[in-house]
Amino acid sequence: MRRHELTDAQWRAIEPLLPANGRPGGQWSDHRTVVNGVLFRARTGVPWPDLPERYGPWQTVHERHRRWSADGTWQRILAELQIEADAGDPDGTLVREPEREWAVNIDSTSCRAHQHAAGARHRPAARLPRKWGGARVEADGRETLGRSRGGVTTKVHLLADDRARPLTWLTSPGQRGDSPMLLPVLKTLRIPRRGPGRPRHRPDRVRGDKAYSSRDNRAYLRRRGIKATIAEPDDQRANRRKRGRAGGRPPAFDRAQYRRRSAVERCVSKWKQFRAVASRYDKRDYIFNGTLTITAIVIWLRDTVQEPSETT
């Protein structure tokens, strides 16, 4: 095993989840070699033609990554890892217990787009908007690339658990605000169960910084019975006090709970150790999401797969 590659225990965890070989004449090349090649590129950020020869033809590695990003293979592997964690997590991070609530933490991070991410043929943007719980997000035909203070960027809106593991995310152009994306990201939260039962989709608590503080967001969480630990900005606090009784009561805020929001920031730090996440090199948004997914798989494998102890 070399750096940035899967260990034997990690490979055994995901090997049954990969597509089986096709009929004679259409055999896949070795899956483990290709997956390790994708991880090497994700960690180092090298151009595809510069992959080391030990991973085989770079065209094979790139095409496999592109295909599995498009057909949802990477997403299915991540979902299976989350199912296993939900079924048997000893710390109860995902499992609902009487004495412990299931909390998620939300934040966003901007990924600067490299010049290699430019040049994709633009598809026309959809005219009809999509709506999630009252929030309106228009379908973007520019591969979620936009201009912000950092230049051309893509923003990743992320939900993480208390063990700094990514649960779900959405990408958007870099100039899009955080508050309107709270509801769409929550709508994508689905943790399937092992066996019968609906997927787990409603957390007990949502923690977020002051960028997510709005009357609509708090009302939506209140209607669904979700506790909100969201900081209130100074301008909203001043406006409420200025209105007097008409301003209403200040929202409940638990400082001890808010300190645990740092889990999502630690998750972003883990994610951006991969250079292909810290800087976006992929032209297409679905391929960039595939890169986000396989790096999230690595984060989950490191946290959930126990390496066998060495015997003396």
C-alpha atoms as a PDB file:
ATOM      1  CA  MET A   1       0.000   0.000   0.000  1.00  0.00           C
ATOM      2  CA  ARG A   2       1.279   3.453  -0.950  1.00  0.00           C
ATOM      3  CA  ARG A   3       0.308   6.884   0.312  1.00  0.00           C
ATOM      4  CA  HIS A   4      -3.195   8.096  -0.550  1.00  0.00           C
ATOM      5  CA  GLU A   5      -4.337   4.519  -1.326  1.00  0.00           C
ATOM      6  CA  LEU A   6      -6.895   2.311   0.412  1.00  0.00           C
ATOM      7  CA  THR A   7      -5.753  -0.139   3.045  1.00  0.00           C
ATOM      8  CA  ASP A   8      -6.719  -3.808   2.814  1.00  0.00           C
ATOM      9  CA  ALA A   9      -9.453  -3.367   5.431  1.00  0.00           C
ATOM     10  CA  GLN A  10     -10.879  -0.316   3.681  1.00  0.00           C
ATOM     11  CA  TRP A  11     -10.854  -2.094   0.333  1.00  0.00           C
ATOM     12  CA  ARG A  12     -12.708  -5.090   1.768  1.00  0.00           C
ATOM     13  CA  ALA A  13     -15.389  -2.688   3.041  1.00  0.00           C
ATOM     14  CA  ILE A  14     -16.198  -1.219  -0.388  1.00  0.00           C
ATOM     15  CA  GLU A  15     -15.250  -4.066  -2.766  1.00  0.00           C
ATOM     16  CA  PRO A  16     -18.718  -5.751  -2.642  1.00  0.00           C
ATOM     17  CA  LEU A  17     -20.352  -2.403  -3.434  1.00  0.00           C
ATOM     18  CA  LEU A  18     -18.569  -1.880  -6.760  1.00  0.00           C
ATOM     19  CA  PRO A  19     -20.063  -2.988 -10.093  1.00  0.00           C
ATOM     20  CA  ALA A  20     -19.348  -6.575 -11.115  1.00  0.00           C
ATOM     21  CA  ASN A  21     -17.389  -7.441 -14.227  1.00  0.00           C
ATOM     22  CA  GLY A  22     -19.294  -7.584 -17.486  1.00  0.00           C
ATOM     23  CA  ARG A  23     -19.544 -10.387 -19.977  1.00  0.00           C
ATOM     24  CA  PRO A  24     -16.438 -11.670 -21.843  1.00  0.00           C
ATOM     25  CA  GLY A  25     -15.019  -9.017 -24.111  1.00  0.00           C
ATOM     26  CA  GLY A  26     -16.187  -6.205 -21.815  1.00  0.00           C
ATOM     27  CA  GLN A  27     -14.160  -6.919 -18.681  1.00  0.00           C
ATOM     28  CA  TRP A  28     -13.275  -4.080 -16.326  1.00  0.00           C
ATOM     29  CA  SER A  29      -9.662  -3.505 -15.446  1.00  0.00           C
ATOM     30  CA  ASP A  30      -8.798  -4.051 -11.787  1.00  0.00           C
ATOM     31  CA  HIS A  31     -11.146  -1.958  -9.658  1.00  0.00           C
ATOM     32  CA  ARG A  32      -8.704  -1.435  -6.814  1.00  0.00           C
ATOM     33  CA  THR A  33      -6.013  -0.032  -9.094  1.00  0.00           C
ATOM     34  CA  VAL A  34      -8.491   2.381 -10.675  1.00  0.00           C
ATOM     35  CA  VAL A  35      -9.957   3.526  -7.342  1.00  0.00           C
ATOM     36  CA  ASN A  36      -6.468   4.141  -5.976  1.00  0.00           C
ATOM     37  CA  GLY A  37      -5.689   6.154  -9.098  1.00  0.00           C
ATOM     38  CA  VAL A  38      -8.776   8.314  -8.550  1.00  0.00           C
ATOM     39  CA  LEU A  39      -7.769   8.846  -4.906  1.00  0.00           C
ATOM     40  CA  PHE A  40      -4.209   9.768  -5.888  1.00  0.00           C
ATOM     41  CA  ARG A  41      -5.512  12.415  -8.257  1.00  0.00           C
ATOM     42  CA  ALA A  42      -8.022  13.692  -5.663  1.00  0.00           C
ATOM     43  CA  ARG A  43      -5.331  14.012  -2.999  1.00  0.00           C
ATOM     44  CA  THR A  44      -2.602  15.554  -5.151  1.00  0.00           C
ATOM     45  CA  GLY A  45      -4.638  17.443  -7.755  1.00  0.00           C
ATOM     46  CA  VAL A  46      -2.387  16.400 -10.637  1.00  0.00           C
ATOM     47  CA  PRO A  47      -3.797  16.532 -14.186  1.00  0.00           C
ATOM     48  CA  TRP A  48      -5.176  13.198 -15.341  1.00  0.00           C
ATOM     49  CA  PRO A  49      -2.391  12.608 -17.923  1.00  0.00           C
ATOM     50  CA  ASP A  50       0.196  12.957 -15.125  1.00  0.00           C
ATOM     51  CA  LEU A  51      -1.059   9.955 -13.127  1.00  0.00           C
ATOM     52  CA  PRO A  52       1.752   7.515 -12.266  1.00  0.00           C
ATOM     53  CA  GLU A  53       2.012   4.551 -14.606  1.00  0.00           C
ATOM     54  CA  ARG A  54       1.295   2.093 -11.796  1.00  0.00           C
ATOM     55  CA  TYR A  55      -2.399   3.022 -12.057  1.00  0.00           C
ATOM     56  CA  GLY A  56      -2.616   2.035 -15.712  1.00  0.00           C
ATOM     57  CA  PRO A  57      -3.787   4.236 -18.587  1.00  0.00           C
ATOM     58  CA  TRP A  58      -5.008   7.570 -17.287  1.00  0.00           C
ATOM     59  CA  GLN A  59      -7.902   7.478 -19.759  1.00  0.00           C
ATOM     60  CA  THR A  60      -9.226   4.351 -18.021  1.00  0.00           C
ATOM     61  CA  VAL A  61      -9.045   5.954 -14.570  1.00  0.00           C
ATOM     62  CA  HIS A  62     -10.667   9.177 -15.744  1.00  0.00           C
ATOM     63  CA  GLU A  63     -13.444   7.429 -17.666  1.00  0.00           C
ATOM     64  CA  ARG A  64     -14.262   5.144 -14.710  1.00  0.00           C
ATOM     65  CA  HIS A  65     -14.447   8.141 -12.386  1.00  0.00           C
ATOM     66  CA  ARG A  66     -16.623  10.026 -14.862  1.00  0.00           C
ATOM     67  CA  ARG A  67     -18.964   7.064 -15.359  1.00  0.00           C
ATOM     68  CA  TRP A  68     -19.344   6.289 -11.666  1.00  0.00           C
ATOM     69  CA  SER A  69     -19.963   9.975 -10.920  1.00  0.00           C
ATOM     70  CA  ALA A  70     -22.758   9.988 -13.495  1.00  0.00           C
ATOM     71  CA  ASP A  71     -24.503   6.707 -12.621  1.00  0.00           C
ATOM     72  CA  GLY A  72     -24.395   7.222  -8.830  1.00  0.00           C
ATOM     73  CA  THR A  73     -21.922   4.453  -7.931  1.00  0.00           C
ATOM     74  CA  TRP A  74     -19.909   6.694  -5.613  1.00  0.00           C
ATOM     75  CA  GLN A  75     -23.135   7.951  -3.984  1.00  0.00           C
ATOM     76  CA  ARG A  76     -24.373   4.401  -3.368  1.00  0.00           C
ATOM     77  CA  ILE A  77     -21.111   3.433  -1.679  1.00  0.00           C
ATOM     78  CA  LEU A  78     -21.312   6.462   0.614  1.00  0.00           C
ATOM     79  CA  ALA A  79     -24.944   5.664   1.431  1.00  0.00           C
ATOM     80  CA  GLU A  80     -24.021   2.077   2.380  1.00  0.00           C
ATOM     81  CA  LEU A  81     -21.293   3.308   4.728  1.00  0.00           C
ATOM     82  CA  GLN A  82     -23.789   5.644   6.379  1.00  0.00           C
ATOM     83  CA  ILE A  83     -26.302   2.794   6.718  1.00  0.00           C
ATOM     84  CA  GLU A  84     -23.711   0.662   8.518  1.00  0.00           C
ATOM     85  CA  ALA A  85     -22.832   3.555  10.826  1.00  0.00           C
ATOM     86  CA  ASP A  86     -26.506   4.189  11.576  1.00  0.00           C
ATOM     87  CA  ALA A  87     -27.075   0.523  12.354  1.00  0.00           C
ATOM     88  CA  GLY A  88     -24.107  -0.035  14.627  1.00  0.00           C
ATOM     89  CA  ASP A  89     -22.418   3.196  15.658  1.00  0.00           C
ATOM     90  CA  PRO A  90     -21.303   2.552  19.267  1.00  0.00           C
ATOM     91  CA  ASP A  91     -21.301   6.264  20.086  1.00  0.00           C
ATOM     92  CA  GLY A  92     -24.836   6.810  18.893  1.00  0.00           C
ATOM     93  CA  THR A  93     -23.910   9.641  16.522  1.00  0.00           C
ATOM     94  CA  LEU A  94     -26.529   8.630  13.982  1.00  0.00           C
ATOM     95  CA  VAL A  95     -28.620   6.262  16.088  1.00  0.00           C
ATOM     96  CA  ARG A  96     -31.493   7.939  17.896  1.00  0.00           C
ATOM     97  CA  GLU A  97     -31.260   7.152  21.609  1.00  0.00           C
ATOM     98  CA  PRO A  98     -33.556   8.311  24.420  1.00  0.00           C
ATOM     99  CA  GLU A  99     -30.741  10.183  26.190  1.00  0.00           C
ATOM    100  CA  ARG A 100     -29.052  11.593  23.094  1.00  0.00           C
ATOM    101  CA  GLU A 101     -30.342  13.710  20.223  1.00  0.00           C
ATOM    102  CA  TRP A 102     -29.309  13.508  16.601  1.00  0.00           C
ATOM    103  CA  ALA A 103     -27.757  16.863  15.708  1.00  0.00           C
ATOM    104  CA  VAL A 104     -26.376  18.056  12.382  1.00  0.00           C
ATOM    105  CA  ASN A 105     -24.142  21.031  11.665  1.00  0.00           C
ATOM    106  CA  ILE A 106     -24.396  23.200   8.551  1.00  0.00           C
ATOM    107  CA  ASP A 107     -21.855  25.462   6.915  1.00  0.00           C
ATOM    108  CA  SER A 108     -20.503  26.324   3.482  1.00  0.00           C
ATOM    109  CA  THR A 109     -17.061  26.515   1.940  1.00  0.00           C
ATOM    110  CA  SER A 110     -15.835  28.039  -1.298  1.00  0.00           C
ATOM    111  CA  CYS A 111     -13.641  26.087  -3.692  1.00  0.00           C
ATOM    112  CA  ARG A 112     -11.596  28.229  -6.036  1.00  0.00           C
ATOM    113  CA  ALA A 113     -11.950  27.116  -9.644  1.00  0.00           C
ATOM    114  CA  HIS A 114      -8.671  26.417 -11.422  1.00  0.00           C
ATOM    115  CA  GLN A 115      -8.322  27.496 -15.040  1.00  0.00           C
ATOM    116  CA  HIS A 116      -8.669  23.800 -15.987  1.00  0.00           C
ATOM    117  CA  ALA A 117     -12.269  23.967 -14.737  1.00  0.00           C
ATOM    118  CA  ALA A 118     -13.171  26.475 -17.438  1.00  0.00           C
ATOM    119  CA  GLY A 119     -14.132  25.741 -21.010  1.00  0.00           C
ATOM    120  CA  ALA A 120     -17.072  23.366 -20.579  1.00  0.00           C
ATOM    121  CA  ARG A 121     -19.808  23.848 -23.154  1.00  0.00           C
ATOM    122  CA  HIS A 122     -22.616  25.674 -21.405  1.00  0.00           C
ATOM    123  CA  ARG A 123     -26.083  24.203 -21.326  1.00  0.00           C
ATOM    124  CA  PRO A 124     -28.953  26.710 -21.310  1.00  0.00           C
ATOM    125  CA  ALA A 125     -30.295  27.391 -17.837  1.00  0.00           C
ATOM    126  CA  ALA A 126     -33.756  26.019 -17.081  1.00  0.00           C
ATOM    127  CA  ARG A 127     -36.515  28.606 -17.159  1.00  0.00           C
ATOM    128  CA  LEU A 128     -38.637  27.028 -14.439  1.00  0.00           C
ATOM    129  CA  PRO A 129     -37.291  27.283 -10.884  1.00  0.00           C
ATOM    130  CA  ARG A 130     -37.207  24.382  -8.472  1.00  0.00           C
ATOM    131  CA  LYS A 131     -38.664  24.936  -5.015  1.00  0.00           C
ATOM    132  CA  TRP A 132     -37.763  23.309  -1.715  1.00  0.00           C
ATOM    133  CA  GLY A 133     -39.975  24.226   1.213  1.00  0.00           C
ATOM    134  CA  GLY A 134     -40.566  27.764  -0.014  1.00  0.00           C
ATOM    135  CA  ALA A 135     -36.931  28.479  -0.973  1.00  0.00           C
ATOM    136  CA  ARG A 136     -36.414  29.135  -4.653  1.00  0.00           C
ATOM    137  CA  VAL A 137     -33.229  27.951  -6.377  1.00  0.00           C
ATOM    138  CA  GLU A 138     -32.968  28.275 -10.139  1.00  0.00           C
ATOM    139  CA  ALA A 139     -31.343  25.490 -12.105  1.00  0.00           C
ATOM    140  CA  ASP A 140     -27.914  26.711 -13.213  1.00  0.00           C
ATOM    141  CA  GLY A 141     -26.592  25.927 -16.686  1.00  0.00           C
ATOM    142  CA  ARG A 142     -23.055  27.133 -15.923  1.00  0.00           C
ATOM    143  CA  GLU A 143     -21.789  24.109 -13.983  1.00  0.00           C
ATOM    144  CA  THR A 144     -22.184  25.884 -10.584  1.00  0.00           C
ATOM    145  CA  LEU A 145     -19.349  28.303 -11.342  1.00  0.00           C
ATOM    146  CA  GLY A 146     -19.809  31.891 -10.218  1.00  0.00           C
ATOM    147  CA  ARG A 147     -17.872  34.983  -9.250  1.00  0.00           C
ATOM    148  CA  SER A 148     -17.376  35.935  -5.627  1.00  0.00           C
ATOM    149  CA  ARG A 149     -14.702  37.769  -3.675  1.00  0.00           C
ATOM    150  CA  GLY A 150     -12.329  34.890  -4.276  1.00  0.00           C
ATOM    151  CA  GLY A 151     -12.795  35.018  -8.040  1.00  0.00           C
ATOM    152  CA  VAL A 152     -14.436  32.174  -9.948  1.00  0.00           C
ATOM    153  CA  THR A 153     -15.598  29.736  -7.269  1.00  0.00           C
ATOM    154  CA  THR A 154     -17.985  26.929  -6.468  1.00  0.00           C
ATOM    155  CA  LYS A 155     -19.644  26.901  -3.056  1.00  0.00           C
ATOM    156  CA  VAL A 156     -20.311  23.625  -1.245  1.00  0.00           C
ATOM    157  CA  HIS A 157     -23.173  23.730   1.286  1.00  0.00           C
ATOM    158  CA  LEU A 158     -22.524  20.932   3.761  1.00  0.00           C
ATOM    159  CA  LEU A 159     -24.228  19.028   6.565  1.00  0.00           C
ATOM    160  CA  ALA A 160     -21.888  17.191   8.924  1.00  0.00           C
ATOM    161  CA  ASP A 161     -22.477  15.066  12.009  1.00  0.00           C
ATOM    162  CA  ASP A 162     -20.821  15.507  15.394  1.00  0.00           C
ATOM    163  CA  ARG A 163     -17.899  13.300  14.373  1.00  0.00           C
ATOM    164  CA  ALA A 164     -16.950  15.664  11.538  1.00  0.00           C
ATOM    165  CA  ARG A 165     -18.190  13.357   8.772  1.00  0.00           C
ATOM    166  CA  PRO A 166     -20.037  14.713   5.719  1.00  0.00           C
ATOM    167  CA  LEU A 167     -23.667  13.621   5.537  1.00  0.00           C
ATOM    168  CA  THR A 168     -24.971  15.471   2.490  1.00  0.00           C
ATOM    169  CA  TRP A 169     -24.203  18.590   0.485  1.00  0.00           C
ATOM    170  CA  LEU A 170     -25.222  20.727  -2.467  1.00  0.00           C
ATOM    171  CA  THR A 171     -23.048  22.769  -4.813  1.00  0.00           C
ATOM    172  CA  SER A 172     -23.905  26.237  -6.064  1.00  0.00           C
ATOM    173  CA  PRO A 173     -22.196  29.181  -7.774  1.00  0.00           C
ATOM    174  CA  GLY A 174     -19.809  30.969  -5.458  1.00  0.00           C
ATOM    175  CA  GLN A 175     -21.890  34.140  -5.118  1.00  0.00           C
ATOM    176  CA  ARG A 176     -24.984  32.377  -3.765  1.00  0.00           C
ATOM    177  CA  GLY A 177     -25.862  33.123  -0.156  1.00  0.00           C
ATOM    178  CA  ASP A 178     -25.920  30.603   2.677  1.00  0.00           C
ATOM    179  CA  SER A 179     -29.327  31.294   4.222  1.00  0.00           C
ATOM    180  CA  PRO A 180     -31.445  30.381   1.144  1.00  0.00           C
ATOM    181  CA  MET A 181     -29.633  27.030   0.939  1.00  0.00           C
ATOM    182  CA  LEU A 182     -30.525  25.806   4.439  1.00  0.00           C
ATOM    183  CA  LEU A 183     -33.836  24.273   3.386  1.00  0.00           C
ATOM    184  CA  PRO A 184     -32.593  22.655   0.146  1.00  0.00           C
ATOM    185  CA  VAL A 185     -29.681  21.002   1.961  1.00  0.00           C
ATOM    186  CA  LEU A 186     -31.953  19.694   4.722  1.00  0.00           C
ATOM    187  CA  LYS A 187     -34.293  18.292   2.062  1.00  0.00           C
ATOM    188  CA  THR A 188     -31.443  16.116   0.723  1.00  0.00           C
ATOM    189  CA  LEU A 189     -30.698  14.543   4.127  1.00  0.00           C
ATOM    190  CA  ARG A 190     -31.557  10.838   3.857  1.00  0.00           C
ATOM    191  CA  ILE A 191     -29.966   8.154   6.041  1.00  0.00           C
ATOM    192  CA  PRO A 192     -31.527   4.811   4.989  1.00  0.00           C
ATOM    193  CA  ARG A 193     -32.088   2.140   7.608  1.00  0.00           C
ATOM    194  CA  ARG A 194     -30.862  -1.427   7.606  1.00  0.00           C
ATOM    195  CA  GLY A 195     -34.091  -3.331   7.163  1.00  0.00           C
ATOM    196  CA  PRO A 196     -37.649  -1.932   7.116  1.00  0.00           C
ATOM    197  CA  GLY A 197     -38.428   1.642   7.949  1.00  0.00           C
ATOM    198  CA  ARG A 198     -38.284   5.041   6.349  1.00  0.00           C
ATOM    199  CA  PRO A 199     -34.949   6.807   5.866  1.00  0.00           C
ATOM    200  CA  ARG A 200     -33.869   9.033   8.731  1.00  0.00           C
ATOM    201  CA  HIS A 201     -34.368  12.556   7.436  1.00  0.00           C
ATOM    202  CA  ARG A 202     -35.374  14.813  10.339  1.00  0.00           C
ATOM    203  CA  PRO A 203     -32.628  15.608  12.858  1.00  0.00           C
ATOM    204  CA  ASP A 204     -33.389  16.687  16.405  1.00  0.00           C
ATOM    205  CA  ARG A 205     -31.194  19.793  16.183  1.00  0.00           C
ATOM    206  CA  VAL A 206     -29.549  21.962  13.534  1.00  0.00           C
ATOM    207  CA  ARG A 207     -26.551  24.107  14.392  1.00  0.00           C
ATOM    208  CA  GLY A 208     -25.430  26.964  12.163  1.00  0.00           C
ATOM    209  CA  ASP A 209     -23.636  30.290  12.277  1.00  0.00           C
ATOM    210  CA  LYS A 210     -25.288  33.683  11.929  1.00  0.00           C
ATOM    211  CA  ALA A 211     -25.380  33.417   8.114  1.00  0.00           C
ATOM    212  CA  TYR A 212     -28.349  31.025   8.509  1.00  0.00           C
ATOM    213  CA  SER A 213     -30.319  33.237  10.872  1.00  0.00           C
ATOM    214  CA  SER A 214     -33.590  34.296   9.269  1.00  0.00           C
ATOM    215  CA  ARG A 215     -37.230  34.333  10.288  1.00  0.00           C
ATOM    216  CA  ASP A 216     -38.189  31.910   7.505  1.00  0.00           C
ATOM    217  CA  ASN A 217     -35.493  29.385   8.421  1.00  0.00           C
ATOM    218  CA  ARG A 218     -36.388  29.440  12.116  1.00  0.00           C
ATOM    219  CA  ALA A 219     -40.103  29.109  11.336  1.00  0.00           C
ATOM    220  CA  TYR A 220     -39.474  26.141   9.039  1.00  0.00           C
ATOM    221  CA  LEU A 221     -37.398  24.341  11.687  1.00  0.00           C
ATOM    222  CA  ARG A 222     -40.011  25.099  14.324  1.00  0.00           C
ATOM    223  CA  ARG A 223     -42.806  23.634  12.190  1.00  0.00           C
ATOM    224  CA  ARG A 224     -40.858  20.403  11.788  1.00  0.00           C
ATOM    225  CA  GLY A 225     -40.030  20.147  15.481  1.00  0.00           C
ATOM    226  CA  ILE A 226     -36.286  20.685  14.953  1.00  0.00           C
ATOM    227  CA  LYS A 227     -34.356  22.636  17.566  1.00  0.00           C
ATOM    228  CA  ALA A 228     -32.345  25.508  16.091  1.00  0.00           C
ATOM    229  CA  THR A 229     -28.994  26.534  17.535  1.00  0.00           C
ATOM    230  CA  ILE A 230     -28.239  29.433  15.198  1.00  0.00           C
ATOM    231  CA  ALA A 231     -26.421  32.603  16.192  1.00  0.00           C
ATOM    232  CA  GLU A 232     -28.311  35.874  15.743  1.00  0.00           C
ATOM    233  CA  PRO A 233     -26.473  38.689  13.892  1.00  0.00           C
ATOM    234  CA  ASP A 234     -26.074  42.062  15.560  1.00  0.00           C
ATOM    235  CA  ASP A 235     -28.279  43.858  13.023  1.00  0.00           C
ATOM    236  CA  GLN A 236     -31.189  41.446  13.551  1.00  0.00           C
ATOM    237  CA  ARG A 237     -30.812  41.757  17.307  1.00  0.00           C
ATOM    238  CA  ALA A 238     -30.788  45.564  17.086  1.00  0.00           C
ATOM    239  CA  ASN A 239     -33.850  45.655  14.810  1.00  0.00           C
ATOM    240  CA  ARG A 240     -35.781  43.387  17.145  1.00  0.00           C
ATOM    241  CA  ARG A 241     -34.982  45.561  20.159  1.00  0.00           C
ATOM    242  CA  LYS A 242     -35.836  48.697  18.219  1.00  0.00           C
ATOM    243  CA  ARG A 243     -39.360  47.408  17.557  1.00  0.00           C
ATOM    244  CA  GLY A 244     -39.943  46.810  21.232  1.00  0.00           C
ATOM    245  CA  ARG A 245     -42.813  44.444  21.994  1.00  0.00           C
ATOM    246  CA  ALA A 246     -43.589  44.056  18.305  1.00  0.00           C
ATOM    247  CA  GLY A 247     -40.137  42.580  17.794  1.00  0.00           C
ATOM    248  CA  GLY A 248     -41.016  39.472  19.764  1.00  0.00           C
ATOM    249  CA  ARG A 249     -38.888  37.376  22.053  1.00  0.00           C
ATOM    250  CA  PRO A 250     -35.235  36.692  21.271  1.00  0.00           C
ATOM    251  CA  PRO A 251     -34.665  33.231  19.795  1.00  0.00           C
ATOM    252  CA  ALA A 252     -33.388  30.571  22.170  1.00  0.00           C
ATOM    253  CA  PHE A 253     -29.635  30.117  21.980  1.00  0.00           C
ATOM    254  CA  ASP A 254     -27.553  27.446  23.746  1.00  0.00           C
ATOM    255  CA  ARG A 255     -23.879  28.427  23.849  1.00  0.00           C
ATOM    256  CA  ALA A 256     -22.759  24.949  24.872  1.00  0.00           C
ATOM    257  CA  GLN A 257     -24.525  23.459  21.877  1.00  0.00           C
ATOM    258  CA  TYR A 258     -23.162  26.144  19.573  1.00  0.00           C
ATOM    259  CA  ARG A 259     -19.589  25.222  20.465  1.00  0.00           C
ATOM    260  CA  ARG A 260     -20.202  21.782  18.980  1.00  0.00           C
ATOM    261  CA  ARG A 261     -20.858  23.392  15.602  1.00  0.00           C
ATOM    262  CA  SER A 262     -17.086  23.302  15.100  1.00  0.00           C
ATOM    263  CA  ALA A 263     -17.574  19.711  13.878  1.00  0.00           C
ATOM    264  CA  VAL A 264     -18.596  20.988  10.439  1.00  0.00           C
ATOM    265  CA  GLU A 265     -15.496  23.194  10.283  1.00  0.00           C
ATOM    266  CA  ARG A 266     -13.319  20.204  11.146  1.00  0.00           C
ATOM    267  CA  CYS A 267     -15.105  18.273   8.405  1.00  0.00           C
ATOM    268  CA  VAL A 268     -14.244  20.999   5.889  1.00  0.00           C
ATOM    269  CA  SER A 269     -10.622  20.855   7.032  1.00  0.00           C
ATOM    270  CA  LYS A 270     -10.549  17.098   6.401  1.00  0.00           C
ATOM    271  CA  TRP A 271     -12.155  17.582   2.994  1.00  0.00           C
ATOM    272  CA  LYS A 272      -9.725  20.261   1.865  1.00  0.00           C
ATOM    273  CA  GLN A 273      -6.731  18.079   2.575  1.00  0.00           C
ATOM    274  CA  PHE A 274      -7.634  16.748  -0.869  1.00  0.00           C
ATOM    275  CA  ARG A 275      -6.300  19.271  -3.359  1.00  0.00           C
ATOM    276  CA  ALA A 276      -8.920  18.410  -5.971  1.00  0.00           C
ATOM    277  CA  VAL A 277     -11.505  19.610  -3.417  1.00  0.00           C
ATOM    278  CA  ALA A 278      -9.647  22.686  -2.177  1.00  0.00           C
ATOM    279  CA  SER A 279      -9.306  23.761  -5.827  1.00  0.00           C
ATOM    280  CA  ARG A 280     -11.831  22.664  -8.403  1.00  0.00           C
ATOM    281  CA  TYR A 281     -10.250  21.175 -11.518  1.00  0.00           C
ATOM    282  CA  ASP A 282     -13.328  19.404 -12.930  1.00  0.00           C
ATOM    283  CA  LYS A 283     -15.212  21.134 -15.736  1.00  0.00           C
ATOM    284  CA  ARG A 284     -18.537  19.417 -15.096  1.00  0.00           C
ATOM    285  CA  ASP A 285     -20.447  19.820 -11.857  1.00  0.00           C
ATOM    286  CA  TYR A 286     -21.469  16.144 -11.677  1.00  0.00           C
ATOM    287  CA  ILE A 287     -17.806  15.067 -11.926  1.00  0.00           C
ATOM    288  CA  PHE A 288     -16.833  17.558  -9.208  1.00  0.00           C
ATOM    289  CA  ASN A 289     -19.603  16.101  -7.041  1.00  0.00           C
ATOM    290  CA  GLY A 290     -18.137  12.667  -7.757  1.00  0.00           C
ATOM    291  CA  THR A 291     -14.780  13.927  -6.499  1.00  0.00           C
ATOM    292  CA  LEU A 292     -16.494  15.272  -3.367  1.00  0.00           C
ATOM    293  CA  THR A 293     -18.210  11.914  -2.868  1.00  0.00           C
ATOM    294  CA  ILE A 294     -15.156   9.672  -3.164  1.00  0.00           C
ATOM    295  CA  THR A 295     -13.221  11.901  -0.764  1.00  0.00           C
ATOM    296  CA  ALA A 296     -16.182  11.755   1.630  1.00  0.00           C
ATOM    297  CA  ILE A 297     -16.019   7.949   1.324  1.00  0.00           C
ATOM    298  CA  VAL A 298     -12.390   8.066   2.452  1.00  0.00           C
ATOM    299  CA  ILE A 299     -13.329  10.212   5.463  1.00  0.00           C
ATOM    300  CA  TRP A 300     -16.020   7.714   6.457  1.00  0.00           C
ATOM    301  CA  LEU A 301     -13.720   4.724   5.917  1.00  0.00           C
ATOM    302  CA  ARG A 302     -11.039   6.206   8.137  1.00  0.00           C
ATOM    303  CA  ASP A 303     -13.584   6.757  10.888  1.00  0.00           C
ATOM    304  CA  THR A 304     -15.538   3.501  10.706  1.00  0.00           C
ATOM    305  CA  VAL A 305     -13.173   0.772   9.446  1.00  0.00           C
ATOM    306  CA  GLN A 306     -10.996  -0.707  12.143  1.00  0.00           C
ATOM    307  CA  GLU A 307      -7.553  -1.777  10.992  1.00  0.00           C
ATOM    308  CA  PRO A 308      -6.420  -5.178  12.288  1.00  0.00           C
ATOM    309  CA  SER A 309      -3.919  -4.885  15.126  1.00  0.00           C
ATOM    310  CA  GLU A 310      -0.421  -6.119  14.472  1.00  0.00           C
ATOM    311  CA  THR A 311       0.492  -9.325  16.251  1.00  0.00           C
ATOM    312  CA  THR A 312       3.870  -9.631  17.847  1.00  0.00           C
END
